[in-house]
Full PDB file with SEQRES, HELIX, SHEET, SSBOND, CRYST1, ORIGX, SCALE, CONECT and MASTER records, all heavy atoms in Angstrom:
SEQRES   1 A   40  GLY GLN SER LEU PHE ARG ALA ASN GLY LYS ALA LEU ALA          
SEQRES   2 A   40  MET GLY GLU PRO GLU GLY LEU CYS LYS LEU ILE PHE ARG          
SEQRES   3 A   40  LYS ASP ASP ASN VAL LEU ILE GLY ALA HIS ILE MET GLY          
SEQRES   4 A   40  VAL                                                          
HELIX    1 AA1 PHE A    5  ALA A    7  5                                   3    
HELIX    2 AA2 GLY A    9  ALA A   13  1                                   5    
SHEET    1 AA1 3 GLN A   2  LEU A   4  0                                        
SHEET    2 AA1 3 LEU A  20  PHE A  25 -1                                        
SHEET    3 AA1 3 LEU A  32  MET A  38 -1                                        
CRYST1    1.000    1.000    1.000  90.00  90.00  90.00 P 1           1          
ORIGX1      1.000000  0.000000  0.000000        0.00000                         
ORIGX2      0.000000  1.000000  0.000000        0.00000                         
ORIGX3      0.000000  0.000000  1.000000        0.00000                         
SCALE1      1.000000  0.000000  0.000000        0.00000                         
SCALE2      0.000000  1.000000  0.000000        0.00000                         
SCALE3      0.000000  0.000000  1.000000        0.00000                         
ATOM      1  N   GLY A   1      90.595  85.225 100.189  1.00  0.00           N  
ATOM      2  CA  GLY A   1      91.855  85.082  99.488  1.00  0.00           C  
ATOM      3  C   GLY A   1      91.786  85.477  98.032  1.00  0.00           C  
ATOM      4  O   GLY A   1      90.757  85.356  97.401  1.00  0.00           O  
ATOM      5  N   GLN A   2      92.853  86.085  97.533  1.00  0.00           N  
ATOM      6  CA  GLN A   2      92.892  86.543  96.071  1.00  0.00           C  
ATOM      7  C   GLN A   2      94.051  85.932  95.413  1.00  0.00           C  
ATOM      8  O   GLN A   2      95.173  85.839  96.001  1.00  0.00           O  
ATOM      9  CB  GLN A   2      92.952  88.120  96.076  1.00  0.00           C  
ATOM     10  CG  GLN A   2      91.598  88.751  96.694  1.00  0.00           C  
ATOM     11  CD  GLN A   2      91.579  90.171  96.560  1.00  0.00           C  
ATOM     12  OE1 GLN A   2      90.613  90.867  96.836  1.00  0.00           O  
ATOM     13  NE2 GLN A   2      92.725  90.825  96.141  1.00  0.00           N  
ATOM     14  N   SER A   3      93.978  85.772  94.101  1.00  0.00           N  
ATOM     15  CA  SER A   3      95.036  85.471  93.269  1.00  0.00           C  
ATOM     16  C   SER A   3      94.914  86.241  91.950  1.00  0.00           C  
ATOM     17  O   SER A   3      93.827  86.548  91.505  1.00  0.00           O  
ATOM     18  CB  SER A   3      95.172  83.989  93.045  1.00  0.00           C  
ATOM     19  OG  SER A   3      93.961  83.590  92.266  1.00  0.00           O  
ATOM     20  N   LEU A   4      96.062  86.475  91.292  1.00  0.00           N  
ATOM     21  CA  LEU A   4      96.102  87.187  90.021  1.00  0.00           C  
ATOM     22  C   LEU A   4      96.391  86.248  88.900  1.00  0.00           C  
ATOM     23  O   LEU A   4      97.150  85.403  88.991  1.00  0.00           O  
ATOM     24  CB  LEU A   4      97.117  88.285  90.131  1.00  0.00           C  
ATOM     25  CG  LEU A   4      97.009  89.451  91.142  1.00  0.00           C  
ATOM     26  CD1 LEU A   4      98.190  90.370  91.167  1.00  0.00           C  
ATOM     27  CD2 LEU A   4      95.689  90.185  90.946  1.00  0.00           C  
ATOM     28  N   PHE A   5      95.781  86.491  87.768  1.00  0.00           N  
ATOM     29  CA  PHE A   5      95.888  85.717  86.557  1.00  0.00           C  
ATOM     30  C   PHE A   5      97.303  85.850  86.018  1.00  0.00           C  
ATOM     31  O   PHE A   5      97.795  84.899  85.405  1.00  0.00           O  
ATOM     32  CB  PHE A   5      94.890  86.111  85.488  1.00  0.00           C  
ATOM     33  CG  PHE A   5      93.548  85.399  85.689  1.00  0.00           C  
ATOM     34  CD1 PHE A   5      92.777  85.610  86.927  1.00  0.00           C  
ATOM     35  CD2 PHE A   5      92.998  84.601  84.731  1.00  0.00           C  
ATOM     36  CE1 PHE A   5      91.538  84.998  87.004  1.00  0.00           C  
ATOM     37  CE2 PHE A   5      91.756  83.970  84.888  1.00  0.00           C  
ATOM     38  CZ  PHE A   5      90.976  84.241  86.039  1.00  0.00           C  
ATOM     39  N   ARG A   6      97.977  86.948  86.258  1.00  0.00           N  
ATOM     40  CA  ARG A   6      99.347  87.119  85.696  1.00  0.00           C  
ATOM     41  C   ARG A   6     100.324  86.210  86.405  1.00  0.00           C  
ATOM     42  O   ARG A   6     101.455  86.028  85.913  1.00  0.00           O  
ATOM     43  CB  ARG A   6      99.725  88.531  85.812  1.00  0.00           C  
ATOM     44  CG  ARG A   6      99.945  89.079  87.257  1.00  0.00           C  
ATOM     45  CD  ARG A   6     100.633  90.468  87.223  1.00  0.00           C  
ATOM     46  NE  ARG A   6     100.731  91.105  88.535  1.00  0.00           N  
ATOM     47  CZ  ARG A   6      99.935  91.995  88.967  1.00  0.00           C  
ATOM     48  NH1 ARG A   6      98.953  92.439  88.259  1.00  0.00           N  
ATOM     49  NH2 ARG A   6     100.137  92.524  90.208  1.00  0.00           N  
ATOM     50  N   ALA A   7      99.917  85.508  87.454  1.00  0.00           N  
ATOM     51  CA  ALA A   7     100.748  84.532  88.104  1.00  0.00           C  
ATOM     52  C   ALA A   7     100.398  83.071  87.671  1.00  0.00           C  
ATOM     53  O   ALA A   7     101.089  82.121  88.183  1.00  0.00           O  
ATOM     54  CB  ALA A   7     100.697  84.638  89.616  1.00  0.00           C  
ATOM     55  N   ASN A   8      99.465  82.970  86.803  1.00  0.00           N  
ATOM     56  CA  ASN A   8      98.955  81.641  86.327  1.00  0.00           C  
ATOM     57  C   ASN A   8      99.668  81.296  84.987  1.00  0.00           C  
ATOM     58  O   ASN A   8      99.533  82.018  84.013  1.00  0.00           O  
ATOM     59  CB  ASN A   8      97.472  81.665  86.180  1.00  0.00           C  
ATOM     60  CG  ASN A   8      96.873  80.321  85.686  1.00  0.00           C  
ATOM     61  OD1 ASN A   8      96.782  80.154  84.482  1.00  0.00           O  
ATOM     62  ND2 ASN A   8      96.603  79.493  86.611  1.00  0.00           N  
ATOM     63  N   GLY A   9     100.312  80.114  84.936  1.00  0.00           N  
ATOM     64  CA  GLY A   9     101.076  79.769  83.679  1.00  0.00           C  
ATOM     65  C   GLY A   9     100.190  79.626  82.449  1.00  0.00           C  
ATOM     66  O   GLY A   9     100.592  80.089  81.386  1.00  0.00           O  
ATOM     67  N   LYS A  10      98.997  79.010  82.536  1.00  0.00           N  
ATOM     68  CA  LYS A  10      98.125  78.787  81.400  1.00  0.00           C  
ATOM     69  C   LYS A  10      97.686  80.184  80.923  1.00  0.00           C  
ATOM     70  O   LYS A  10      97.614  80.423  79.674  1.00  0.00           O  
ATOM     71  CB  LYS A  10      96.953  77.944  81.807  1.00  0.00           C  
ATOM     72  CG  LYS A  10      95.955  77.692  80.683  1.00  0.00           C  
ATOM     73  CD  LYS A  10      96.496  76.878  79.587  1.00  0.00           C  
ATOM     74  CE  LYS A  10      95.500  76.526  78.536  1.00  0.00           C  
ATOM     75  NZ  LYS A  10      94.310  75.650  79.018  1.00  0.00           N  
ATOM     76  N   ALA A  11      97.268  81.095  81.779  1.00  0.00           N  
ATOM     77  CA  ALA A  11      96.756  82.421  81.382  1.00  0.00           C  
ATOM     78  C   ALA A  11      97.889  83.179  80.684  1.00  0.00           C  
ATOM     79  O   ALA A  11      97.562  83.829  79.679  1.00  0.00           O  
ATOM     80  CB  ALA A  11      96.304  83.214  82.584  1.00  0.00           C  
ATOM     81  N   LEU A  12      99.068  83.057  81.175  1.00  0.00           N  
ATOM     82  CA  LEU A  12     100.205  83.844  80.546  1.00  0.00           C  
ATOM     83  C   LEU A  12     100.490  83.233  79.137  1.00  0.00           C  
ATOM     84  O   LEU A  12     100.663  83.934  78.186  1.00  0.00           O  
ATOM     85  CB  LEU A  12     101.420  83.755  81.363  1.00  0.00           C  
ATOM     86  CG  LEU A  12     101.482  84.660  82.595  1.00  0.00           C  
ATOM     87  CD1 LEU A  12     102.788  84.414  83.339  1.00  0.00           C  
ATOM     88  CD2 LEU A  12     101.363  86.124  82.143  1.00  0.00           C  
ATOM     89  N   ALA A  13     100.435  81.885  79.087  1.00  0.00           N  
ATOM     90  CA  ALA A  13     100.679  81.171  77.789  1.00  0.00           C  
ATOM     91  C   ALA A  13      99.599  81.534  76.715  1.00  0.00           C  
ATOM     92  O   ALA A  13      99.888  81.595  75.560  1.00  0.00           O  
ATOM     93  CB  ALA A  13     100.682  79.705  78.021  1.00  0.00           C  
ATOM     94  N   MET A  14      98.399  81.788  77.256  1.00  0.00           N  
ATOM     95  CA  MET A  14      97.321  82.155  76.312  1.00  0.00           C  
ATOM     96  C   MET A  14      97.282  83.648  75.924  1.00  0.00           C  
ATOM     97  O   MET A  14      96.490  84.102  75.159  1.00  0.00           O  
ATOM     98  CB  MET A  14      95.941  81.931  77.112  1.00  0.00           C  
ATOM     99  CG  MET A  14      95.667  80.372  77.211  1.00  0.00           C  
ATOM    100  SD  MET A  14      94.204  80.150  78.218  1.00  0.00           S  
ATOM    101  CE  MET A  14      92.874  80.702  77.074  1.00  0.00           C  
ATOM    102  N   GLY A  15      98.282  84.427  76.547  1.00  0.00           N  
ATOM    103  CA  GLY A  15      98.247  85.894  76.328  1.00  0.00           C  
ATOM    104  C   GLY A  15      97.155  86.568  77.036  1.00  0.00           C  
ATOM    105  O   GLY A  15      96.720  87.618  76.590  1.00  0.00           O  
ATOM    106  N   GLU A  16      96.685  85.992  78.129  1.00  0.00           N  
ATOM    107  CA  GLU A  16      95.507  86.543  78.869  1.00  0.00           C  
ATOM    108  C   GLU A  16      95.905  86.764  80.329  1.00  0.00           C  
ATOM    109  O   GLU A  16      95.355  86.142  81.202  1.00  0.00           O  
ATOM    110  CB  GLU A  16      94.289  85.560  78.841  1.00  0.00           C  
ATOM    111  CG  GLU A  16      93.813  85.314  77.487  1.00  0.00           C  
ATOM    112  CD  GLU A  16      92.965  86.343  76.879  1.00  0.00           C  
ATOM    113  OE1 GLU A  16      92.767  87.443  77.594  1.00  0.00           O  
ATOM    114  OE2 GLU A  16      92.477  86.315  75.728  1.00  0.00           O  
ATOM    115  N   PRO A  17      96.826  87.736  80.626  1.00  0.00           N  
ATOM    116  CA  PRO A  17      97.334  87.935  81.962  1.00  0.00           C  
ATOM    117  C   PRO A  17      96.363  88.756  82.894  1.00  0.00           C  
ATOM    118  O   PRO A  17      96.539  88.863  84.095  1.00  0.00           O  
ATOM    119  CB  PRO A  17      98.592  88.766  81.772  1.00  0.00           C  
ATOM    120  CG  PRO A  17      98.367  89.496  80.519  1.00  0.00           C  
ATOM    121  CD  PRO A  17      97.521  88.623  79.659  1.00  0.00           C  
ATOM    122  N   GLU A  18      95.378  89.426  82.318  1.00  0.00           N  
ATOM    123  CA  GLU A  18      94.543  90.277  83.024  1.00  0.00           C  
ATOM    124  C   GLU A  18      93.502  89.563  83.807  1.00  0.00           C  
ATOM    125  O   GLU A  18      92.684  88.835  83.209  1.00  0.00           O  
ATOM    126  CB  GLU A  18      93.838  91.376  82.103  1.00  0.00           C  
ATOM    127  CG  GLU A  18      92.975  92.368  82.873  1.00  0.00           C  
ATOM    128  CD  GLU A  18      93.733  93.277  83.698  1.00  0.00           C  
ATOM    129  OE1 GLU A  18      94.789  93.857  83.259  1.00  0.00           O  
ATOM    130  OE2 GLU A  18      93.403  93.433  84.869  1.00  0.00           O  
ATOM    131  N   GLY A  19      93.424  89.608  85.120  1.00  0.00           N  
ATOM    132  CA  GLY A  19      92.394  88.978  85.873  1.00  0.00           C  
ATOM    133  C   GLY A  19      92.653  88.814  87.322  1.00  0.00           C  
ATOM    134  O   GLY A  19      93.802  88.936  87.841  1.00  0.00           O  
ATOM    135  N   LEU A  20      91.586  88.637  87.994  1.00  0.00           N  
ATOM    136  CA  LEU A  20      91.601  88.400  89.541  1.00  0.00           C  
ATOM    137  C   LEU A  20      90.598  87.339  89.974  1.00  0.00           C  
ATOM    138  O   LEU A  20      89.476  87.312  89.439  1.00  0.00           O  
ATOM    139  CB  LEU A  20      91.192  89.760  90.172  1.00  0.00           C  
ATOM    140  CG  LEU A  20      90.902  89.814  91.687  1.00  0.00           C  
ATOM    141  CD1 LEU A  20      92.176  89.557  92.430  1.00  0.00           C  
ATOM    142  CD2 LEU A  20      90.309  91.113  92.094  1.00  0.00           C  
ATOM    143  N   CYS A  21      91.023  86.512  90.886  1.00  0.00           N  
ATOM    144  CA  CYS A  21      90.139  85.551  91.464  1.00  0.00           C  
ATOM    145  C   CYS A  21      90.073  85.849  92.973  1.00  0.00           C  
ATOM    146  O   CYS A  21      91.055  85.956  93.709  1.00  0.00           O  
ATOM    147  CB  CYS A  21      90.680  84.114  91.289  1.00  0.00           C  
ATOM    148  SG  CYS A  21      89.691  82.799  92.165  1.00  0.00           S  
ATOM    149  N   LYS A  22      88.839  86.046  93.477  1.00  0.00           N  
ATOM    150  CA  LYS A  22      88.592  86.375  94.855  1.00  0.00           C  
ATOM    151  C   LYS A  22      87.623  85.403  95.431  1.00  0.00           C  
ATOM    152  O   LYS A  22      86.509  85.205  94.976  1.00  0.00           O  
ATOM    153  CB  LYS A  22      87.997  87.842  94.967  1.00  0.00           C  
ATOM    154  CG  LYS A  22      87.647  88.266  96.358  1.00  0.00           C  
ATOM    155  CD  LYS A  22      87.110  89.736  96.386  1.00  0.00           C  
ATOM    156  CE  LYS A  22      86.750  90.240  97.750  1.00  0.00           C  
ATOM    157  NZ  LYS A  22      86.190  91.557  97.694  1.00  0.00           N  
ATOM    158  N   LEU A  23      88.036  84.655  96.487  1.00  0.00           N  
ATOM    159  CA  LEU A  23      87.198  83.690  97.170  1.00  0.00           C  
ATOM    160  C   LEU A  23      86.821  84.163  98.569  1.00  0.00           C  
ATOM    161  O   LEU A  23      87.703  84.806  99.290  1.00  0.00           O  
ATOM    162  CB  LEU A  23      87.924  82.391  97.268  1.00  0.00           C  
ATOM    163  CG  LEU A  23      88.404  81.772  95.935  1.00  0.00           C  
ATOM    164  CD1 LEU A  23      88.948  80.368  96.197  1.00  0.00           C  
ATOM    165  CD2 LEU A  23      87.184  81.647  94.982  1.00  0.00           C  
ATOM    166  N   ILE A  24      85.692  83.892  99.041  1.00  0.00           N  
ATOM    167  CA  ILE A  24      85.168  84.311 100.336  1.00  0.00           C  
ATOM    168  C   ILE A  24      84.702  83.042 101.080  1.00  0.00           C  
ATOM    169  O   ILE A  24      83.927  82.275 100.494  1.00  0.00           O  
ATOM    170  CB  ILE A  24      84.002  85.300 100.210  1.00  0.00           C  
ATOM    171  CG1 ILE A  24      84.483  86.548  99.451  1.00  0.00           C  
ATOM    172  CG2 ILE A  24      83.390  85.679 101.561  1.00  0.00           C  
ATOM    173  CD1 ILE A  24      83.276  87.482  99.153  1.00  0.00           C  
ATOM    174  N   PHE A  25      85.222  82.924 102.302  1.00  0.00           N  
ATOM    175  CA  PHE A  25      84.957  81.813 103.158  1.00  0.00           C  
ATOM    176  C   PHE A  25      84.299  82.401 104.495  1.00  0.00           C  
ATOM    177  O   PHE A  25      84.696  83.330 105.052  1.00  0.00           O  
ATOM    178  CB  PHE A  25      86.197  81.039 103.554  1.00  0.00           C  
ATOM    179  CG  PHE A  25      86.845  80.329 102.341  1.00  0.00           C  
ATOM    180  CD1 PHE A  25      87.706  81.018 101.579  1.00  0.00           C  
ATOM    181  CD2 PHE A  25      86.511  79.070 102.039  1.00  0.00           C  
ATOM    182  CE1 PHE A  25      88.337  80.405 100.434  1.00  0.00           C  
ATOM    183  CE2 PHE A  25      87.096  78.451 100.938  1.00  0.00           C  
ATOM    184  CZ  PHE A  25      88.045  79.069 100.132  1.00  0.00           C  
ATOM    185  N   ARG A  26      83.234  81.641 105.002  1.00  0.00           N  
ATOM    186  CA  ARG A  26      82.681  81.950 106.247  1.00  0.00           C  
ATOM    187  C   ARG A  26      83.654  81.649 107.374  1.00  0.00           C  
ATOM    188  O   ARG A  26      84.215  80.547 107.380  1.00  0.00           O  
ATOM    189  CB  ARG A  26      81.363  81.158 106.475  1.00  0.00           C  
ATOM    190  CG  ARG A  26      80.488  81.689 107.528  1.00  0.00           C  
ATOM    191  CD  ARG A  26      79.100  81.154 107.432  1.00  0.00           C  
ATOM    192  NE  ARG A  26      79.093  79.690 107.233  1.00  0.00           N  
ATOM    193  CZ  ARG A  26      78.336  79.078 106.414  1.00  0.00           C  
ATOM    194  NH1 ARG A  26      77.513  79.713 105.610  1.00  0.00           N  
ATOM    195  NH2 ARG A  26      78.441  77.676 106.221  1.00  0.00           N  
ATOM    196  N   LYS A  27      83.928  82.610 108.292  1.00  0.00           N  
ATOM    197  CA  LYS A  27      85.014  82.486 109.247  1.00  0.00           C  
ATOM    198  C   LYS A  27      84.811  81.375 110.208  1.00  0.00           C  
ATOM    199  O   LYS A  27      85.745  80.650 110.564  1.00  0.00           O  
ATOM    200  CB  LYS A  27      85.164  83.825 109.937  1.00  0.00           C  
ATOM    201  CG  LYS A  27      86.502  83.874 110.777  1.00  0.00           C  
ATOM    202  CD  LYS A  27      86.642  85.284 111.340  1.00  0.00           C  
ATOM    203  CE  LYS A  27      87.917  85.370 112.099  1.00  0.00           C  
ATOM    204  NZ  LYS A  27      88.192  86.710 112.600  1.00  0.00           N  
ATOM    205  N   ASP A  28      83.522  81.157 110.651  1.00  0.00           N  
ATOM    206  CA  ASP A  28      83.354  80.187 111.722  1.00  0.00           C  
ATOM    207  C   ASP A  28      83.536  78.765 111.317  1.00  0.00           C  
ATOM    208  O   ASP A  28      83.892  77.886 112.147  1.00  0.00           O  
ATOM    209  CB  ASP A  28      81.971  80.462 112.422  1.00  0.00           C  
ATOM    210  CG  ASP A  28      80.817  80.200 111.455  1.00  0.00           C  
ATOM    211  OD1 ASP A  28      80.997  79.894 110.226  1.00  0.00           O  
ATOM    212  OD2 ASP A  28      79.675  80.298 111.802  1.00  0.00           O  
ATOM    213  N   ASP A  29      83.273  78.402 110.063  1.00  0.00           N  
ATOM    214  CA  ASP A  29      83.429  77.051 109.615  1.00  0.00           C  
ATOM    215  C   ASP A  29      84.277  76.918 108.380  1.00  0.00           C  
ATOM    216  O   ASP A  29      84.460  75.752 107.892  1.00  0.00           O  
ATOM    217  CB  ASP A  29      82.124  76.354 109.451  1.00  0.00           C  
ATOM    218  CG  ASP A  29      81.253  77.131 108.382  1.00  0.00           C  
ATOM    219  OD1 ASP A  29      81.673  78.048 107.745  1.00  0.00           O  
ATOM    220  OD2 ASP A  29      80.000  76.722 108.311  1.00  0.00           O  
ATOM    221  N   ASN A  30      84.825  78.009 107.770  1.00  0.00           N  
ATOM    222  CA  ASN A  30      85.645  77.938 106.604  1.00  0.00           C  
ATOM    223  C   ASN A  30      84.996  77.388 105.398  1.00  0.00           C  
ATOM    224  O   ASN A  30      85.659  76.968 104.411  1.00  0.00           O  
ATOM    225  CB  ASN A  30      86.978  77.138 106.858  1.00  0.00           C  
ATOM    226  CG  ASN A  30      87.936  77.938 107.713  1.00  0.00           C  
ATOM    227  OD1 ASN A  30      88.134  79.162 107.465  1.00  0.00           O  
ATOM    228  ND2 ASN A  30      88.615  77.250 108.649  1.00  0.00           N  
ATOM    229  N   VAL A  31      83.603  77.431 105.225  1.00  0.00           N  
ATOM    230  CA  VAL A  31      82.919  77.025 104.142  1.00  0.00           C  
ATOM    231  C   VAL A  31      82.979  78.104 102.972  1.00  0.00           C  
ATOM    232  O   VAL A  31      82.709  79.285 103.302  1.00  0.00           O  
ATOM    233  CB  VAL A  31      81.444  76.669 104.396  1.00  0.00           C  
ATOM    234  CG1 VAL A  31      80.591  76.520 103.221  1.00  0.00           C  
ATOM    235  CG2 VAL A  31      81.383  75.466 105.244  1.00  0.00           C  
ATOM    236  N   LEU A  32      83.193  77.719 101.761  1.00  0.00           N  
ATOM    237  CA  LEU A  32      83.230  78.628 100.671  1.00  0.00           C  
ATOM    238  C   LEU A  32      81.768  79.181 100.450  1.00  0.00           C  
ATOM    239  O   LEU A  32      80.845  78.443 100.252  1.00  0.00           O  
ATOM    240  CB  LEU A  32      83.649  77.973  99.411  1.00  0.00           C  
ATOM    241  CG  LEU A  32      83.675  78.787  98.139  1.00  0.00           C  
ATOM    242  CD1 LEU A  32      84.729  79.956  98.244  1.00  0.00           C  
ATOM    243  CD2 LEU A  32      84.047  77.875  96.947  1.00  0.00           C  
ATOM    244  N   ILE A  33      81.636  80.505 100.437  1.00  0.00           N  
ATOM    245  CA  ILE A  33      80.297  81.125 100.321  1.00  0.00           C  
ATOM    246  C   ILE A  33      80.202  82.110  99.206  1.00  0.00           C  
ATOM    247  O   ILE A  33      79.202  82.647  98.829  1.00  0.00           O  
ATOM    248  CB  ILE A  33      79.839  81.786 101.683  1.00  0.00           C  
ATOM    249  CG1 ILE A  33      80.737  82.888 102.124  1.00  0.00           C  
ATOM    250  CG2 ILE A  33      79.622  80.747 102.745  1.00  0.00           C  
ATOM    251  CD1 ILE A  33      80.257  83.657 103.276  1.00  0.00           C  
ATOM    252  N   GLY A  34      81.371  82.409  98.560  1.00  0.00           N  
ATOM    253  CA  GLY A  34      81.409  83.368  97.537  1.00  0.00           C  
ATOM    254  C   GLY A  34      82.649  83.193  96.594  1.00  0.00           C  
ATOM    255  O   GLY A  34      83.759  83.037  97.142  1.00  0.00           O  
ATOM    256  N   ALA A  35      82.487  83.401  95.286  1.00  0.00           N  
ATOM    257  CA  ALA A  35      83.566  83.320  94.406  1.00  0.00           C  
ATOM    258  C   ALA A  35      83.398  84.411  93.343  1.00  0.00           C  
ATOM    259  O   ALA A  35      82.252  84.458  92.683  1.00  0.00           O  
ATOM    260  CB  ALA A  35      83.721  81.965  93.658  1.00  0.00           C  
ATOM    261  N   HIS A  36      84.372  85.309  93.092  1.00  0.00           N  
ATOM    262  CA  HIS A  36      84.220  86.435  92.200  1.00  0.00           C  
ATOM    263  C   HIS A  36      85.471  86.453  91.343  1.00  0.00           C  
ATOM    264  O   HIS A  36      86.584  86.691  91.884  1.00  0.00           O  
ATOM    265  CB  HIS A  36      84.022  87.662  93.052  1.00  0.00           C  
ATOM    266  CG  HIS A  36      82.924  87.492  94.000  1.00  0.00           C  
ATOM    267  ND1 HIS A  36      81.604  87.644  93.647  1.00  0.00           N  
ATOM    268  CD2 HIS A  36      82.878  87.117  95.277  1.00  0.00           C  
ATOM    269  CE1 HIS A  36      80.799  87.347  94.691  1.00  0.00           C  
ATOM    270  NE2 HIS A  36      81.603  87.087  95.673  1.00  0.00           N  
ATOM    271  N   ILE A  37      85.278  86.353  90.060  1.00  0.00           N  
ATOM    272  CA  ILE A  37      86.398  86.129  89.177  1.00  0.00           C  
ATOM    273  C   ILE A  37      86.311  86.987  87.922  1.00  0.00           C  
ATOM    274  O   ILE A  37      85.210  87.174  87.324  1.00  0.00           O  
ATOM    275  CB  ILE A  37      86.480  84.633  88.761  1.00  0.00           C  
ATOM    276  CG1 ILE A  37      86.522  83.772  89.957  1.00  0.00           C  
ATOM    277  CG2 ILE A  37      87.712  84.467  87.878  1.00  0.00           C  
ATOM    278  CD1 ILE A  37      86.219  82.318  89.655  1.00  0.00           C  
ATOM    279  N   MET A  38      87.379  87.625  87.491  1.00  0.00           N  
ATOM    280  CA  MET A  38      87.523  88.407  86.305  1.00  0.00           C  
ATOM    281  C   MET A  38      88.713  87.876  85.555  1.00  0.00           C  
ATOM    282  O   MET A  38      89.895  87.855  86.099  1.00  0.00           O  
ATOM    283  CB  MET A  38      87.630  89.878  86.433  1.00  0.00           C  
ATOM    284  CG  MET A  38      87.552  90.660  85.169  1.00  0.00           C  
ATOM    285  SD  MET A  38      88.390  92.275  85.223  1.00  0.00           S  
ATOM    286  CE  MET A  38      90.065  91.805  84.963  1.00  0.00           C  
ATOM    287  N   GLY A  39      88.570  87.401  84.280  1.00  0.00           N  
ATOM    288  CA  GLY A  39      89.703  86.911  83.496  1.00  0.00           C  
ATOM    289  C   GLY A  39      89.239  85.835  82.543  1.00  0.00           C  
ATOM    290  O   GLY A  39      88.052  85.541  82.487  1.00  0.00           O  
ATOM    291  N   VAL A  40      90.142  85.352  81.853  1.00  0.00           N  
ATOM    292  CA  VAL A  40      89.887  84.350  80.761  1.00  0.00           C  
ATOM    293  C   VAL A  40      89.192  83.094  81.534  1.00  0.00           C  
ATOM    294  O   VAL A  40      89.641  82.693  82.573  1.00  0.00           O  
ATOM    295  CB  VAL A  40      91.129  83.914  80.126  1.00  0.00           C  
ATOM    296  CG1 VAL A  40      92.164  83.274  80.887  1.00  0.00           C  
ATOM    297  CG2 VAL A  40      90.776  82.945  78.884  1.00  0.00           C  
TER     298      VAL A  40                                                      
MASTER        0    0    0    2    3    0    0    6  297    1    0    4          
END                                                                             
């Protein structure tokens, strides 16, 4: 799943809209196994 910082209220208020959050879950049990983030 991915989300963009430009849709985050705090990031916009800070003047920091540039960013991406990408989360990776193992399919068989939905456990979080990776998180990759660029932004404030």
